[in-house]
Amino acid sequence: GLVEAYVHLEKFNKKHNSNLKLLLGSELYYTNDVTVKEKNLYHMIR
């Protein structure tokens, strides 16, 4: 939804002469199993 949100917000701000900001995010999930070692997960995050 981030691209649509960015485009629609740009149009909204222009139309209403406003300056609303968008924080781009995602709720991701922590996993720890035999296929993804924890140390490798932290390495990727870092």
All heavy atoms as atom14 arrays in JSON, in Angstrom:
{
  "sequence": "GLVEAYVHLEKFNKKHNSNLKLLLGSELYYTNDVTVKEKNLYHMIR",
  "atom14_mask": [
    [1, 1, 1, 1, 0, 0, 0, 0, 0, 0, 0, 0, 0, 0],
    [1, 1, 1, 1, 1, 1, 1, 1, 0, 0, 0, 0, 0, 0],
    [1, 1, 1, 1, 1, 1, 1, 0, 0, 0, 0, 0, 0, 0],
    [1, 1, 1, 1, 1, 1, 1, 1, 1, 0, 0, 0, 0, 0],
    [1, 1, 1, 1, 1, 0, 0, 0, 0, 0, 0, 0, 0, 0],
    [1, 1, 1, 1, 1, 1, 1, 1, 1, 1, 1, 1, 0, 0],
    [1, 1, 1, 1, 1, 1, 1, 0, 0, 0, 0, 0, 0, 0],
    [1, 1, 1, 1, 1, 1, 1, 1, 1, 1, 0, 0, 0, 0],
    [1, 1, 1, 1, 1, 1, 1, 1, 0, 0, 0, 0, 0, 0],
    [1, 1, 1, 1, 1, 1, 1, 1, 1, 0, 0, 0, 0, 0],
    [1, 1, 1, 1, 1, 1, 1, 1, 1, 0, 0, 0, 0, 0],
    [1, 1, 1, 1, 1, 1, 1, 1, 1, 1, 1, 0, 0, 0],
    [1, 1, 1, 1, 1, 1, 1, 1, 0, 0, 0, 0, 0, 0],
    [1, 1, 1, 1, 1, 1, 1, 1, 1, 0, 0, 0, 0, 0],
    [1, 1, 1, 1, 1, 1, 1, 1, 1, 0, 0, 0, 0, 0],
    [1, 1, 1, 1, 1, 1, 1, 1, 1, 1, 0, 0, 0, 0],
    [1, 1, 1, 1, 1, 1, 1, 1, 0, 0, 0, 0, 0, 0],
    [1, 1, 1, 1, 1, 1, 0, 0, 0, 0, 0, 0, 0, 0],
    [1, 1, 1, 1, 1, 1, 1, 1, 0, 0, 0, 0, 0, 0],
    [1, 1, 1, 1, 1, 1, 1, 1, 0, 0, 0, 0, 0, 0],
    [1, 1, 1, 1, 1, 1, 1, 1, 1, 0, 0, 0, 0, 0],
    [1, 1, 1, 1, 1, 1, 1, 1, 0, 0, 0, 0, 0, 0],
    [1, 1, 1, 1, 1, 1, 1, 1, 0, 0, 0, 0, 0, 0],
    [1, 1, 1, 1, 1, 1, 1, 1, 0, 0, 0, 0, 0, 0],
    [1, 1, 1, 1, 0, 0, 0, 0, 0, 0, 0, 0, 0, 0],
    [1, 1, 1, 1, 1, 1, 0, 0, 0, 0, 0, 0, 0, 0],
    [1, 1, 1, 1, 1, 1, 1, 1, 1, 0, 0, 0, 0, 0],
    [1, 1, 1, 1, 1, 1, 1, 1, 0, 0, 0, 0, 0, 0],
    [1, 1, 1, 1, 1, 1, 1, 1, 1, 1, 1, 1, 0, 0],
    [1, 1, 1, 1, 1, 1, 1, 1, 1, 1, 1, 1, 0, 0],
    [1, 1, 1, 1, 1, 1, 1, 0, 0, 0, 0, 0, 0, 0],
    [1, 1, 1, 1, 1, 1, 1, 1, 0, 0, 0, 0, 0, 0],
    [1, 1, 1, 1, 1, 1, 1, 1, 0, 0, 0, 0, 0, 0],
    [1, 1, 1, 1, 1, 1, 1, 0, 0, 0, 0, 0, 0, 0],
    [1, 1, 1, 1, 1, 1, 1, 0, 0, 0, 0, 0, 0, 0],
    [1, 1, 1, 1, 1, 1, 1, 0, 0, 0, 0, 0, 0, 0],
    [1, 1, 1, 1, 1, 1, 1, 1, 1, 0, 0, 0, 0, 0],
    [1, 1, 1, 1, 1, 1, 1, 1, 1, 0, 0, 0, 0, 0],
    [1, 1, 1, 1, 1, 1, 1, 1, 1, 0, 0, 0, 0, 0],
    [1, 1, 1, 1, 1, 1, 1, 1, 0, 0, 0, 0, 0, 0],
    [1, 1, 1, 1, 1, 1, 1, 1, 0, 0, 0, 0, 0, 0],
    [1, 1, 1, 1, 1, 1, 1, 1, 1, 1, 1, 1, 0, 0],
    [1, 1, 1, 1, 1, 1, 1, 1, 1, 1, 0, 0, 0, 0],
    [1, 1, 1, 1, 1, 1, 1, 1, 0, 0, 0, 0, 0, 0],
    [1, 1, 1, 1, 1, 1, 1, 1, 0, 0, 0, 0, 0, 0],
    [1, 1, 1, 1, 1, 1, 1, 1, 1, 1, 1, 0, 0, 0]
  ],
  "atom14_positions": [
    [[0.78, -1.22, 0.0], [0.0, 0.0, 0.0], [0.81, 1.27, 0.0], [0.25, 2.38, -0.1], [0.0, 0.0, 0.0], [0.0, 0.0, 0.0], [0.0, 0.0, 0.0], [0.0, 0.0, 0.0], [0.0, 0.0, 0.0], [0.0, 0.0, 0.0], [0.0, 0.0, 0.0], [0.0, 0.0, 0.0], [0.0, 0.0, 0.0], [0.0, 0.0, 0.0]],
    [[2.13, 1.18, 0.1], [2.94, 2.37, 0.29], [2.99, 3.28, -0.94], [2.95, 4.5, -0.81], [4.35, 1.98, 0.71], [4.46, 1.23, 2.05], [5.93, 0.99, 2.4], [3.76, 1.98, 3.17], [0.0, 0.0, 0.0], [0.0, 0.0, 0.0], [0.0, 0.0, 0.0], [0.0, 0.0, 0.0], [0.0, 0.0, 0.0], [0.0, 0.0, 0.0]],
    [[3.08, 2.68, -2.12], [3.13, 3.5, -3.34], [1.81, 4.25, -3.53], [1.8, 5.46, -3.8], [3.43, 2.63, -4.57], [3.29, 3.45, -5.84], [4.83, 2.04, -4.48], [0.0, 0.0, 0.0], [0.0, 0.0, 0.0], [0.0, 0.0, 0.0], [0.0, 0.0, 0.0], [0.0, 0.0, 0.0], [0.0, 0.0, 0.0], [0.0, 0.0, 0.0]],
    [[0.69, 3.53, -3.37], [-0.61, 4.19, -3.5], [-0.76, 5.29, -2.46], [-1.26, 6.38, -2.77], [-1.74, 3.17, -3.34], [-3.12, 3.79, -3.44], [-4.24, 2.76, -3.39], [-4.08, 1.69, -4.0], [-5.27, 3.05, -2.74], [0.0, 0.0, 0.0], [0.0, 0.0, 0.0], [0.0, 0.0, 0.0], [0.0, 0.0, 0.0], [0.0, 0.0, 0.0]],
    [[-0.33, 5.02, -1.23], [-0.44, 6.02, -0.17], [0.39, 7.26, -0.51], [-0.07, 8.4, -0.31], [0.01, 5.42, 1.15], [0.0, 0.0, 0.0], [0.0, 0.0, 0.0], [0.0, 0.0, 0.0], [0.0, 0.0, 0.0], [0.0, 0.0, 0.0], [0.0, 0.0, 0.0], [0.0, 0.0, 0.0], [0.0, 0.0, 0.0], [0.0, 0.0, 0.0]],
    [[1.59, 7.05, -0.99], [2.46, 8.18, -1.34], [1.86, 9.03, -2.45], [1.79, 10.27, -2.35], [3.84, 7.66, -1.76], [4.79, 8.75, -2.17], [5.53, 9.45, -1.22], [4.95, 9.09, -3.52], [6.39, 10.47, -1.6], [5.82, 10.1, -3.9], [6.54, 10.78, -2.94], [7.39, 11.79, -3.31], [0.0, 0.0, 0.0], [0.0, 0.0, 0.0]],
    [[1.39, 8.38, -3.51], [0.82, 9.1, -4.64], [-0.45, 9.85, -4.23], [-0.62, 11.03, -4.56], [0.51, 8.13, -5.8], [-0.27, 8.83, -6.9], [1.81, 7.54, -6.36], [0.0, 0.0, 0.0], [0.0, 0.0, 0.0], [0.0, 0.0, 0.0], [0.0, 0.0, 0.0], [0.0, 0.0, 0.0], [0.0, 0.0, 0.0], [0.0, 0.0, 0.0]],
    [[-1.33, 9.17, -3.5], [-2.59, 9.8, -3.1], [-2.35, 10.94, -2.11], [-3.06, 11.96, -2.16], [-3.52, 8.76, -2.49], [-4.13, 7.85, -3.5], [-5.44, 7.4, -3.42], [-3.64, 7.29, -4.63], [-5.71, 6.62, -4.45], [-4.62, 6.53, -5.19], [0.0, 0.0, 0.0], [0.0, 0.0, 0.0], [0.0, 0.0, 0.0], [0.0, 0.0, 0.0]],
    [[-1.37, 10.78, -1.24], [-1.08, 11.84, -0.27], [-0.5, 13.07, -0.97], [-0.82, 14.2, -0.6], [-0.13, 11.34, 0.8], [0.16, 12.32, 1.94], [-1.14, 12.7, 2.67], [1.17, 11.74, 2.93], [0.0, 0.0, 0.0], [0.0, 0.0, 0.0], [0.0, 0.0, 0.0], [0.0, 0.0, 0.0], [0.0, 0.0, 0.0], [0.0, 0.0, 0.0]],
    [[0.35, 12.85, -1.96], [0.9, 13.98, -2.71], [-0.23, 14.78, -3.37], [-0.23, 16.02, -3.33], [1.87, 13.47, -3.78], [3.2, 12.98, -3.24], [4.07, 14.11, -2.77], [4.49, 14.93, -3.63], [4.34, 14.2, -1.56], [0.0, 0.0, 0.0], [0.0, 0.0, 0.0], [0.0, 0.0, 0.0], [0.0, 0.0, 0.0], [0.0, 0.0, 0.0]],
    [[-1.19, 14.09, -3.96], [-2.33, 14.75, -4.6], [-3.19, 15.48, -3.56], [-3.65, 16.6, -3.8], [-3.16, 13.74, -5.37], [-2.46, 13.14, -6.58], [-3.35, 12.12, -7.29], [-2.67, 11.54, -8.51], [-3.51, 10.52, -9.19], [0.0, 0.0, 0.0], [0.0, 0.0, 0.0], [0.0, 0.0, 0.0], [0.0, 0.0, 0.0], [0.0, 0.0, 0.0]],
    [[-3.39, 14.83, -2.41], [-4.22, 15.43, -1.36], [-3.55, 16.71, -0.84], [-4.23, 17.74, -0.67], [-4.4, 14.43, -0.22], [-5.3, 14.92, 0.88], [-6.65, 14.63, 0.87], [-4.79, 15.67, 1.93], [-7.49, 15.09, 1.88], [-5.6, 16.13, 2.95], [-6.96, 15.83, 2.92], [0.0, 0.0, 0.0], [0.0, 0.0, 0.0], [0.0, 0.0, 0.0]],
    [[-2.26, 16.65, -0.57], [-1.56, 17.83, -0.05], [-1.62, 18.99, -1.04], [-1.78, 20.15, -0.64], [-0.1, 17.48, 0.25], [0.07, 16.74, 1.57], [-0.74, 16.89, 2.49], [1.12, 15.95, 1.66], [0.0, 0.0, 0.0], [0.0, 0.0, 0.0], [0.0, 0.0, 0.0], [0.0, 0.0, 0.0], [0.0, 0.0, 0.0], [0.0, 0.0, 0.0]],
    [[-1.49, 18.69, -2.31], [-1.55, 19.74, -3.33], [-2.94, 20.36, -3.4], [-3.09, 21.58, -3.48], [-1.15, 19.16, -4.69], [-1.08, 20.19, -5.8], [-0.59, 19.56, -7.1], [-0.49, 20.59, -8.21], [0.0, 19.99, -9.48], [0.0, 0.0, 0.0], [0.0, 0.0, 0.0], [0.0, 0.0, 0.0], [0.0, 0.0, 0.0], [0.0, 0.0, 0.0]],
    [[-3.96, 19.5, -3.33], [-5.34, 19.98, -3.42], [-5.73, 20.82, -2.22], [-6.43, 21.83, -2.34], [-6.29, 18.79, -3.56], [-7.75, 19.17, -3.62], [-8.64, 17.95, -3.77], [-10.12, 18.33, -3.81], [-10.99, 17.12, -3.97], [0.0, 0.0, 0.0], [0.0, 0.0, 0.0], [0.0, 0.0, 0.0], [0.0, 0.0, 0.0], [0.0, 0.0, 0.0]],
    [[-5.29, 20.4, -1.03], [-5.72, 21.06, 0.21], [-4.66, 22.01, 0.77], [-4.85, 22.55, 1.86], [-6.07, 20.0, 1.26], [-7.25, 19.16, 0.89], [-8.54, 19.51, 1.21], [-7.33, 17.98, 0.21], [-9.37, 18.58, 0.76], [-8.67, 17.64, 0.16], [0.0, 0.0, 0.0], [0.0, 0.0, 0.0], [0.0, 0.0, 0.0], [0.0, 0.0, 0.0]],
    [[-3.58, 22.19, 0.02], [-2.48, 23.05, 0.48], [-2.04, 22.63, 1.89], [-1.8, 23.47, 2.76], [-2.91, 24.52, 0.48], [-1.72, 25.46, 0.62], [-0.6, 25.13, 0.21], [-1.95, 26.62, 1.22], [0.0, 0.0, 0.0], [0.0, 0.0, 0.0], [0.0, 0.0, 0.0], [0.0, 0.0, 0.0], [0.0, 0.0, 0.0], [0.0, 0.0, 0.0]],
    [[-1.93, 21.34, 2.09], [-1.52, 20.79, 3.39], [-0.13, 20.19, 3.27], [0.47, 20.16, 2.19], [-2.53, 19.73, 3.85], [-2.7, 18.72, 2.87], [0.0, 0.0, 0.0], [0.0, 0.0, 0.0], [0.0, 0.0, 0.0], [0.0, 0.0, 0.0], [0.0, 0.0, 0.0], [0.0, 0.0, 0.0], [0.0, 0.0, 0.0], [0.0, 0.0, 0.0]],
    [[0.39, 19.71, 4.39], [1.75, 19.17, 4.4], [1.8, 17.9, 5.26], [2.69, 17.74, 6.09], [2.73, 20.22, 4.93], [4.18, 19.8, 4.73], [4.52, 19.13, 3.76], [5.03, 20.2, 5.66], [0.0, 0.0, 0.0], [0.0, 0.0, 0.0], [0.0, 0.0, 0.0], [0.0, 0.0, 0.0], [0.0, 0.0, 0.0], [0.0, 0.0, 0.0]],
    [[0.84, 17.01, 5.06], [0.82, 15.76, 5.81], [2.0, 14.88, 5.41], [2.37, 14.81, 4.24], [-0.49, 15.0, 5.55], [-1.79, 15.73, 5.9], [-2.99, 14.83, 5.58], [-1.79, 16.13, 7.37], [0.0, 0.0, 0.0], [0.0, 0.0, 0.0], [0.0, 0.0, 0.0], [0.0, 0.0, 0.0], [0.0, 0.0, 0.0], [0.0, 0.0, 0.0]],
    [[2.58, 14.22, 6.4], [3.74, 13.38, 6.17], [3.35, 11.9, 6.22], [2.44, 11.51, 6.95], [4.81, 13.65, 7.23], [5.25, 15.1, 7.32], [5.94, 15.55, 6.04], [6.49, 16.97, 6.2], [7.14, 17.46, 4.96], [0.0, 0.0, 0.0], [0.0, 0.0, 0.0], [0.0, 0.0, 0.0], [0.0, 0.0, 0.0], [0.0, 0.0, 0.0]],
    [[4.07, 11.09, 5.47], [3.85, 9.65, 5.45], [5.1, 8.93, 5.92], [6.19, 9.13, 5.37], [3.48, 9.18, 4.03], [3.4, 7.66, 3.82], [2.29, 7.06, 4.67], [3.19, 7.34, 2.34], [0.0, 0.0, 0.0], [0.0, 0.0, 0.0], [0.0, 0.0, 0.0], [0.0, 0.0, 0.0], [0.0, 0.0, 0.0], [0.0, 0.0, 0.0]],
    [[4.95, 8.09, 6.93], [6.02, 7.22, 7.4], [5.85, 5.86, 6.73], [4.82, 5.22, 6.88], [5.98, 7.07, 8.92], [6.11, 8.37, 9.73], [5.91, 8.09, 11.21], [7.47, 9.0, 9.5], [0.0, 0.0, 0.0], [0.0, 0.0, 0.0], [0.0, 0.0, 0.0], [0.0, 0.0, 0.0], [0.0, 0.0, 0.0], [0.0, 0.0, 0.0]],
    [[6.84, 5.43, 5.99], [6.77, 4.19, 5.24], [7.19, 3.03, 6.14], [8.32, 2.99, 6.63], [7.68, 4.25, 4.02], [7.48, 5.44, 3.08], [8.52, 5.43, 1.98], [6.08, 5.43, 2.48], [0.0, 0.0, 0.0], [0.0, 0.0, 0.0], [0.0, 0.0, 0.0], [0.0, 0.0, 0.0], [0.0, 0.0, 0.0], [0.0, 0.0, 0.0]],
    [[6.28, 2.09, 6.36], [6.61, 1.01, 7.28], [5.98, -0.32, 6.89], [5.27, -0.44, 5.89], [0.0, 0.0, 0.0], [0.0, 0.0, 0.0], [0.0, 0.0, 0.0], [0.0, 0.0, 0.0], [0.0, 0.0, 0.0], [0.0, 0.0, 0.0], [0.0, 0.0, 0.0], [0.0, 0.0, 0.0], [0.0, 0.0, 0.0], [0.0, 0.0, 0.0]],
    [[6.24, -1.32, 7.71], [5.65, -2.64, 7.55], [5.79, -3.38, 8.87], [6.8, -3.23, 9.56], [6.35, -3.42, 6.44], [5.78, -4.72, 6.31], [0.0, 0.0, 0.0], [0.0, 0.0, 0.0], [0.0, 0.0, 0.0], [0.0, 0.0, 0.0], [0.0, 0.0, 0.0], [0.0, 0.0, 0.0], [0.0, 0.0, 0.0], [0.0, 0.0, 0.0]],
    [[4.76, -4.14, 9.22], [4.83, -4.98, 10.42], [5.37, -6.35, 10.0], [4.65, -7.17, 9.44], [3.45, -5.13, 11.08], [3.53, -5.9, 12.38], [2.21, -5.91, 13.14], [1.21, -5.39, 12.61], [2.18, -6.44, 14.26], [0.0, 0.0, 0.0], [0.0, 0.0, 0.0], [0.0, 0.0, 0.0], [0.0, 0.0, 0.0], [0.0, 0.0, 0.0]],
    [[6.64, -6.56, 10.27], [7.32, -7.78, 9.87], [7.32, -8.79, 11.01], [7.04, -8.44, 12.16], [8.75, -7.48, 9.43], [8.86, -6.45, 8.29], [10.32, -6.12, 8.0], [8.18, -6.97, 7.03], [0.0, 0.0, 0.0], [0.0, 0.0, 0.0], [0.0, 0.0, 0.0], [0.0, 0.0, 0.0], [0.0, 0.0, 0.0], [0.0, 0.0, 0.0]],
    [[7.71, -10.01, 10.73], [7.59, -11.08, 11.71], [8.93, -11.72, 12.02], [9.69, -12.07, 11.12], [6.59, -12.14, 11.22], [5.21, -11.57, 11.15], [4.75, -10.95, 9.99], [4.39, -11.55, 12.27], [3.5, -10.37, 9.93], [3.14, -10.98, 12.22], [2.7, -10.38, 11.06], [1.47, -9.8, 11.01], [0.0, 0.0, 0.0], [0.0, 0.0, 0.0]],
    [[9.17, -11.84, 13.32], [10.39, -12.48, 13.82], [10.22, -13.98, 13.76], [9.25, -14.54, 14.26], [10.65, -12.05, 15.26], [11.77, -12.79, 15.94], [13.09, -12.36, 15.81], [11.51, -13.93, 16.7], [14.11, -13.02, 16.43], [12.54, -14.61, 17.32], [13.83, -14.16, 17.19], [14.84, -14.83, 17.8], [0.0, 0.0, 0.0], [0.0, 0.0, 0.0]],
    [[11.16, -14.66, 13.09], [11.14, -16.12, 13.04], [12.48, -16.67, 13.5], [13.52, -16.04, 13.35], [10.86, -16.64, 11.62], [11.9, -16.17, 10.76], [9.51, -16.16, 11.11], [0.0, 0.0, 0.0], [0.0, 0.0, 0.0], [0.0, 0.0, 0.0], [0.0, 0.0, 0.0], [0.0, 0.0, 0.0], [0.0, 0.0, 0.0], [0.0, 0.0, 0.0]],
    [[12.42, -17.83, 14.1], [13.66, -18.47, 14.55], [13.47, -19.98, 14.43], [12.9, -20.61, 15.31], [13.98, -18.06, 15.98], [15.28, -18.68, 16.44], [16.09, -19.09, 15.64], [15.46, -18.75, 17.72], [0.0, 0.0, 0.0], [0.0, 0.0, 0.0], [0.0, 0.0, 0.0], [0.0, 0.0, 0.0], [0.0, 0.0, 0.0], [0.0, 0.0, 0.0]],
    [[13.92, -20.55, 13.32], [13.76, -21.98, 13.13], [15.04, -22.57, 12.54], [16.06, -21.89, 12.44], [12.55, -22.29, 12.26], [12.61, -21.58, 10.91], [13.74, -21.39, 10.4], [11.55, -21.22, 10.38], [0.0, 0.0, 0.0], [0.0, 0.0, 0.0], [0.0, 0.0, 0.0], [0.0, 0.0, 0.0], [0.0, 0.0, 0.0], [0.0, 0.0, 0.0]],
    [[14.97, -23.82, 12.16], [16.19, -24.49, 11.72], [16.67, -23.97, 10.37], [17.82, -24.19, 10.0], [15.95, -26.02, 11.61], [15.67, -26.59, 12.97], [14.78, -26.32, 10.66], [0.0, 0.0, 0.0], [0.0, 0.0, 0.0], [0.0, 0.0, 0.0], [0.0, 0.0, 0.0], [0.0, 0.0, 0.0], [0.0, 0.0, 0.0], [0.0, 0.0, 0.0]],
    [[15.82, -23.29, 9.62], [16.23, -22.82, 8.3], [16.78, -21.4, 8.32], [17.49, -20.99, 7.42], [15.05, -22.87, 7.31], [14.0, -22.03, 7.78], [14.52, -24.3, 7.19], [0.0, 0.0, 0.0], [0.0, 0.0, 0.0], [0.0, 0.0, 0.0], [0.0, 0.0, 0.0], [0.0, 0.0, 0.0], [0.0, 0.0, 0.0], [0.0, 0.0, 0.0]],
    [[16.43, -20.64, 9.35], [16.93, -19.27, 9.48], [17.59, -19.15, 10.85], [16.91, -18.97, 11.85], [15.8, -18.23, 9.33], [16.38, -16.81, 9.42], [15.07, -18.41, 8.02], [0.0, 0.0, 0.0], [0.0, 0.0, 0.0], [0.0, 0.0, 0.0], [0.0, 0.0, 0.0], [0.0, 0.0, 0.0], [0.0, 0.0, 0.0], [0.0, 0.0, 0.0]],
    [[18.91, -19.24, 10.89], [19.61, -19.14, 12.15], [19.52, -17.72, 12.7], [19.6, -16.75, 11.95], [21.08, -19.53, 11.98], [21.29, -20.97, 11.52], [20.79, -21.96, 12.55], [21.09, -23.39, 12.14], [20.58, -24.37, 13.1], [0.0, 0.0, 0.0], [0.0, 0.0, 0.0], [0.0, 0.0, 0.0], [0.0, 0.0, 0.0], [0.0, 0.0, 0.0]],
    [[19.39, -17.63, 14.01], [19.18, -16.33, 14.64], [20.3, -15.35, 14.33], [20.08, -14.18, 14.03], [19.02, -16.51, 16.15], [18.5, -15.28, 16.86], [18.07, -15.59, 18.28], [18.03, -16.76, 18.65], [17.77, -14.63, 19.01], [0.0, 0.0, 0.0], [0.0, 0.0, 0.0], [0.0, 0.0, 0.0], [0.0, 0.0, 0.0], [0.0, 0.0, 0.0]],
    [[21.55, -15.83, 14.36], [22.67, -14.92, 14.11], [22.64, -14.39, 12.68], [23.03, -13.25, 12.42], [23.99, -15.63, 14.39], [24.3, -16.82, 13.51], [25.65, -17.42, 13.88], [25.98, -18.61, 12.98], [27.29, -19.21, 13.33], [0.0, 0.0, 0.0], [0.0, 0.0, 0.0], [0.0, 0.0, 0.0], [0.0, 0.0, 0.0], [0.0, 0.0, 0.0]],
    [[22.17, -15.2, 11.74], [22.06, -14.73, 10.37], [20.95, -13.71, 10.2], [21.04, -12.8, 9.38], [21.83, -15.92, 9.43], [23.04, -16.83, 9.35], [24.17, -16.39, 9.53], [22.81, -18.11, 9.08], [0.0, 0.0, 0.0], [0.0, 0.0, 0.0], [0.0, 0.0, 0.0], [0.0, 0.0, 0.0], [0.0, 0.0, 0.0], [0.0, 0.0, 0.0]],
    [[19.88, -13.89, 10.98], [18.78, -12.93, 10.96], [19.26, -11.57, 11.41], [18.99, -10.55, 10.77], [17.64, -13.42, 11.84], [16.45, -12.47, 12.01], [15.76, -12.25, 10.68], [15.47, -13.02, 13.03], [0.0, 0.0, 0.0], [0.0, 0.0, 0.0], [0.0, 0.0, 0.0], [0.0, 0.0, 0.0], [0.0, 0.0, 0.0], [0.0, 0.0, 0.0]],
    [[19.99, -11.52, 12.53], [20.51, -10.24, 13.02], [21.52, -9.64, 12.05], [21.59, -8.42, 11.9], [21.14, -10.42, 14.4], [20.14, -10.76, 15.48], [20.34, -11.83, 16.33], [18.99, -10.0, 15.64], [19.42, -12.15, 17.31], [18.05, -10.3, 16.61], [18.27, -11.39, 17.45], [17.36, -11.69, 18.42], [0.0, 0.0, 0.0], [0.0, 0.0, 0.0]],
    [[22.3, -10.47, 11.4], [23.25, -9.98, 10.4], [22.5, -9.29, 9.27], [22.92, -8.21, 8.81], [24.08, -11.14, 9.86], [24.99, -10.74, 8.73], [26.16, -10.01, 8.93], [24.89, -10.94, 7.38], [26.72, -9.78, 7.76], [25.99, -10.33, 6.81], [0.0, 0.0, 0.0], [0.0, 0.0, 0.0], [0.0, 0.0, 0.0], [0.0, 0.0, 0.0]],
    [[21.41, -9.88, 8.82], [20.62, -9.28, 7.75], [19.99, -7.97, 8.2], [20.0, -6.97, 7.47], [19.53, -10.25, 7.29], [18.69, -9.73, 6.13], [17.34, -10.84, 5.68], [16.28, -10.68, 7.13], [0.0, 0.0, 0.0], [0.0, 0.0, 0.0], [0.0, 0.0, 0.0], [0.0, 0.0, 0.0], [0.0, 0.0, 0.0], [0.0, 0.0, 0.0]],
    [[19.44, -7.96, 9.4], [18.83, -6.73, 9.93], [19.88, -5.63, 10.02], [19.64, -4.48, 9.63], [18.19, -6.99, 11.31], [17.0, -7.94, 11.16], [17.76, -5.68, 11.95], [16.41, -8.37, 12.49], [0.0, 0.0, 0.0], [0.0, 0.0, 0.0], [0.0, 0.0, 0.0], [0.0, 0.0, 0.0], [0.0, 0.0, 0.0], [0.0, 0.0, 0.0]],
    [[21.05, -5.97, 10.54], [22.11, -4.97, 10.68], [22.55, -4.44, 9.32], [22.77, -3.23, 9.14], [23.3, -5.6, 11.41], [24.45, -4.61, 11.68], [25.58, -5.27, 12.46], [25.19, -5.46, 13.86], [24.86, -6.64, 14.39], [24.86, -7.74, 13.63], [24.53, -6.74, 15.65], [0.0, 0.0, 0.0], [0.0, 0.0, 0.0], [0.0, 0.0, 0.0]]
  ]
}
